[in-house]
């Protein structure tokens, strides 16, 4: 599915509110999947198999994350995944900054010794046979919760876009350190 088609479907799924039954329109695909819960050991995100980098706690960091993802996918000869991967990672980074830091336990948000908001955000990529997993870690323990924005809403479609573009997506708790929100793209 192309990025433009996924964005258009995400908008249609949440925005179309017919005035009467004569205006009903069938939408060609099912709603984006809900997030999957995947319990993995917290240290899994720090293994040598995972390529990662710290993220600054600002929404503008999404641009740097997109560049990092594009360059790494090109190195892996998976450049054809770049458009979808960049959109997914941008949504995950913005959600981590907006929601993950805001709902983090006070010790992390206040900068407990050894843990800061900046070091709590991390971009992770894992290449496995037939797929690439993109993830962003944040200090919040709250599960990602897709929401249905109104017709005129300018936000709230990010996780629906992630669900539409990825093969599967979800989250994993990181014991005592928040969670990782991830998405998987299939590759040849």
Protein backbone atom coordinates (compact mmCIF):
# COMPACT_ATOMS: atom_id res chain seq x y z
CA UNK A 1 0.00 0.00 0.00
CA UNK A 2 1.39 3.41 -0.86
CA UNK A 3 1.87 6.13 1.71
CA UNK A 4 -0.69 8.39 0.00
CA UNK A 5 -3.30 5.63 -0.07
CA UNK A 6 -2.73 4.84 3.63
CA UNK A 7 -3.10 8.49 4.62
CA UNK A 8 -6.25 8.83 2.52
CA UNK A 9 -7.78 5.69 4.05
CA UNK A 10 -6.90 6.82 7.57
CA UNK A 11 -8.68 10.12 6.91
CA UNK A 12 -11.71 8.35 5.42
CA UNK A 13 -12.04 5.89 8.27
CA UNK A 14 -12.31 8.56 10.93
CA UNK A 15 -13.66 11.56 9.09
CA UNK A 16 -16.57 10.37 7.00
CA UNK A 17 -19.83 11.11 8.79
CA UNK A 18 -22.78 10.83 6.40
CA UNK A 19 -25.72 13.19 6.87
CA UNK A 20 -28.25 10.55 5.94
CA UNK A 21 -28.30 6.94 4.78
CA UNK A 22 -28.32 7.92 1.09
CA UNK A 23 -24.78 9.26 1.56
CA UNK A 24 -23.32 5.99 2.85
CA UNK A 25 -20.10 5.01 1.15
CA UNK A 26 -18.25 1.74 1.53
CA UNK A 27 -14.57 2.11 2.38
CA UNK A 28 -12.42 -0.47 0.58
CA UNK A 29 -10.32 -1.73 3.49
CA UNK A 30 -10.80 -2.63 7.12
CA UNK A 31 -9.83 -0.25 9.92
CA UNK A 32 -6.22 -0.16 11.04
CA UNK A 33 -5.33 -2.98 13.36
CA UNK A 34 -5.17 -2.36 17.09
CA UNK A 35 -1.71 -2.43 18.67
CA UNK A 36 -0.37 -5.88 19.50
CA UNK A 37 1.17 -6.52 22.91
CA UNK A 38 4.56 -8.24 22.64
CA UNK A 39 6.33 -8.99 25.92
CA UNK A 40 10.08 -9.12 25.33
CA UNK A 41 12.98 -8.80 27.78
CA UNK A 42 13.85 -5.14 28.30
CA UNK A 43 17.47 -5.77 27.32
CA UNK A 44 16.34 -7.03 23.89
CA UNK A 45 16.20 -3.45 22.59
CA UNK A 46 19.88 -3.00 23.48
CA UNK A 47 21.32 -6.12 21.82
CA UNK A 48 23.95 -5.82 19.07
CA UNK A 49 21.34 -6.96 16.52
CA UNK A 50 19.39 -3.74 17.09
CA UNK A 51 20.68 -0.56 15.46
CA UNK A 52 19.72 2.38 17.63
CA UNK A 53 20.37 6.01 18.43
CA UNK A 54 19.19 8.34 21.18
CA UNK A 55 16.54 10.92 20.36
CA UNK A 56 16.14 14.45 21.71
CA UNK A 57 12.84 15.15 23.49
CA UNK A 58 11.51 17.50 20.79
CA UNK A 59 9.00 16.83 18.01
CA UNK A 60 11.47 18.23 15.44
CA UNK A 61 13.62 15.15 16.11
CA UNK A 62 11.27 13.27 13.76
CA UNK A 63 13.18 14.78 10.82
CA UNK A 64 16.52 13.43 12.06
CA UNK A 65 14.91 10.05 12.74
CA UNK A 66 13.51 9.91 9.17
CA UNK A 67 16.98 10.64 7.72
CA UNK A 68 18.58 7.99 9.92
CA UNK A 69 16.00 5.39 8.87
CA UNK A 70 16.35 6.24 5.16
CA UNK A 71 20.16 6.01 5.27
CA UNK A 72 20.13 2.73 7.17
CA UNK A 73 17.56 1.16 4.83
CA UNK A 74 19.67 2.25 1.83
CA UNK A 75 22.72 0.57 3.42
CA UNK A 76 20.66 -2.59 3.86
CA UNK A 77 19.52 -2.43 0.19
CA UNK A 78 15.95 -1.87 1.36
CA UNK A 79 15.52 1.66 0.02
CA UNK A 80 12.13 0.72 -1.43
CA UNK A 81 10.79 0.63 2.16
CA UNK A 82 11.99 4.17 2.92
CA UNK A 83 8.80 6.13 2.20
CA UNK A 84 6.62 3.99 4.46
CA UNK A 85 9.36 3.57 7.09
CA UNK A 86 9.98 7.32 7.29
CA UNK A 87 6.30 8.09 7.80
CA UNK A 88 5.96 5.38 10.44
CA UNK A 89 9.05 6.46 12.38
CA UNK A 90 8.03 10.12 12.26
CA UNK A 91 4.64 9.25 13.78
CA UNK A 92 6.26 7.08 16.46
CA UNK A 93 8.78 9.80 17.39
CA UNK A 94 6.14 12.53 17.61
CA UNK A 95 3.90 10.28 19.74
CA UNK A 96 6.81 9.45 22.07
CA UNK A 97 7.60 13.14 22.54
CA UNK A 98 3.97 14.27 22.92
CA UNK A 99 2.60 11.39 24.95
CA UNK A 100 5.47 9.20 26.17
CA UNK A 101 7.30 11.98 27.97
CA UNK A 102 4.11 13.62 29.25
CA UNK A 103 2.81 10.42 30.85
CA UNK A 104 6.19 9.17 32.12
CA UNK A 105 6.66 8.41 35.80
CA UNK A 106 7.74 11.51 37.73
CA UNK A 107 11.26 10.18 38.45
CA UNK A 108 12.01 9.99 34.73
CA UNK A 109 10.26 13.22 33.84
CA UNK A 110 12.09 15.06 36.64
CA UNK A 111 15.45 13.65 35.57
CA UNK A 112 16.23 10.99 38.16
CA UNK A 113 19.93 10.17 38.52
CA UNK A 114 21.15 8.42 35.39
CA UNK A 115 17.88 8.87 33.52
CA UNK A 116 16.84 11.92 31.54
CA UNK A 117 13.98 12.62 29.16
CA UNK A 118 16.49 12.80 26.31
CA UNK A 119 18.14 9.46 27.05
CA UNK A 120 14.77 7.83 27.64
CA UNK A 121 13.82 8.29 23.95
CA UNK A 122 15.52 5.94 21.54
CA UNK A 123 15.09 4.97 17.89
CA UNK A 124 15.65 1.25 17.22
CA UNK A 125 15.74 -0.76 13.99
CA UNK A 126 16.04 -4.49 13.67
CA UNK A 127 16.49 -6.31 10.39
CA UNK A 128 15.35 -9.91 10.37
CA UNK A 129 14.74 -12.35 7.56
CA UNK A 130 11.80 -10.99 5.54
CA UNK A 131 11.09 -7.98 7.74
CA UNK A 132 12.32 -4.80 9.37
CA UNK A 133 11.13 -3.71 12.80
CA UNK A 134 11.08 0.02 13.55
CA UNK A 135 10.70 1.08 17.18
CA UNK A 136 10.81 4.11 19.45
CA UNK A 137 11.27 3.70 23.19
CA UNK A 138 9.90 6.17 25.72
CA UNK A 139 9.68 6.30 29.53
CA UNK A 140 5.89 5.98 29.80
CA UNK A 141 4.23 2.76 30.93
CA UNK A 142 0.97 3.61 29.14
CA UNK A 143 0.03 1.54 26.09
CA UNK A 144 -0.42 3.43 22.82
CA UNK A 145 -4.08 4.24 22.28
CA UNK A 146 -5.26 5.10 18.77
CA UNK A 147 -8.04 7.66 18.87
CA UNK A 148 -10.69 8.72 16.44
CA UNK A 149 -10.29 12.41 15.58
CA UNK A 150 -13.16 14.53 14.41
CA UNK A 151 -13.72 15.61 10.83
CA UNK A 152 -11.78 18.84 11.33
CA UNK A 153 -9.10 17.43 13.66
CA UNK A 154 -5.52 18.10 12.62
CA UNK A 155 -4.06 15.35 14.77
CA UNK A 156 -5.00 11.91 16.00
CA UNK A 157 -4.43 9.89 12.84
CA UNK A 158 -0.79 8.96 13.43
CA UNK A 159 -1.26 5.50 14.91
CA UNK A 160 -3.92 4.73 12.31
CA UNK A 161 -1.39 5.56 9.60
CA UNK A 162 1.19 3.35 11.36
CA UNK A 163 -1.36 0.52 11.40
CA UNK A 164 -2.27 1.03 7.74
CA UNK A 165 1.34 1.05 6.50
CA UNK A 166 2.79 -1.74 8.62
CA UNK A 167 2.35 -5.49 8.49
CA UNK A 168 1.79 -5.50 12.24
CA UNK A 169 2.44 -2.96 14.97
CA UNK A 170 2.27 -2.83 18.72
CA UNK A 171 4.15 -2.19 21.91
CA UNK A 172 6.38 -3.93 24.43
CA UNK A 173 6.88 -2.97 28.07
CA UNK A 174 10.43 -2.34 29.25
CA UNK A 175 10.58 -3.29 32.90
CA UNK A 176 11.14 -0.18 34.98
CA UNK A 177 11.97 1.92 31.91
CA UNK A 178 8.76 2.51 29.96
CA UNK A 179 7.90 0.88 26.66
CA UNK A 180 8.83 0.41 23.02
CA UNK A 181 6.22 1.13 20.33
CA UNK A 182 7.11 -0.73 17.14
CA UNK A 183 5.96 -1.49 13.61
CA UNK A 184 7.03 -4.24 11.24
CA UNK A 185 7.46 -3.83 7.49
CA UNK A 186 7.77 -6.87 5.24
CA UNK A 187 10.68 -6.98 2.82
CA UNK A 188 11.80 -9.33 0.04
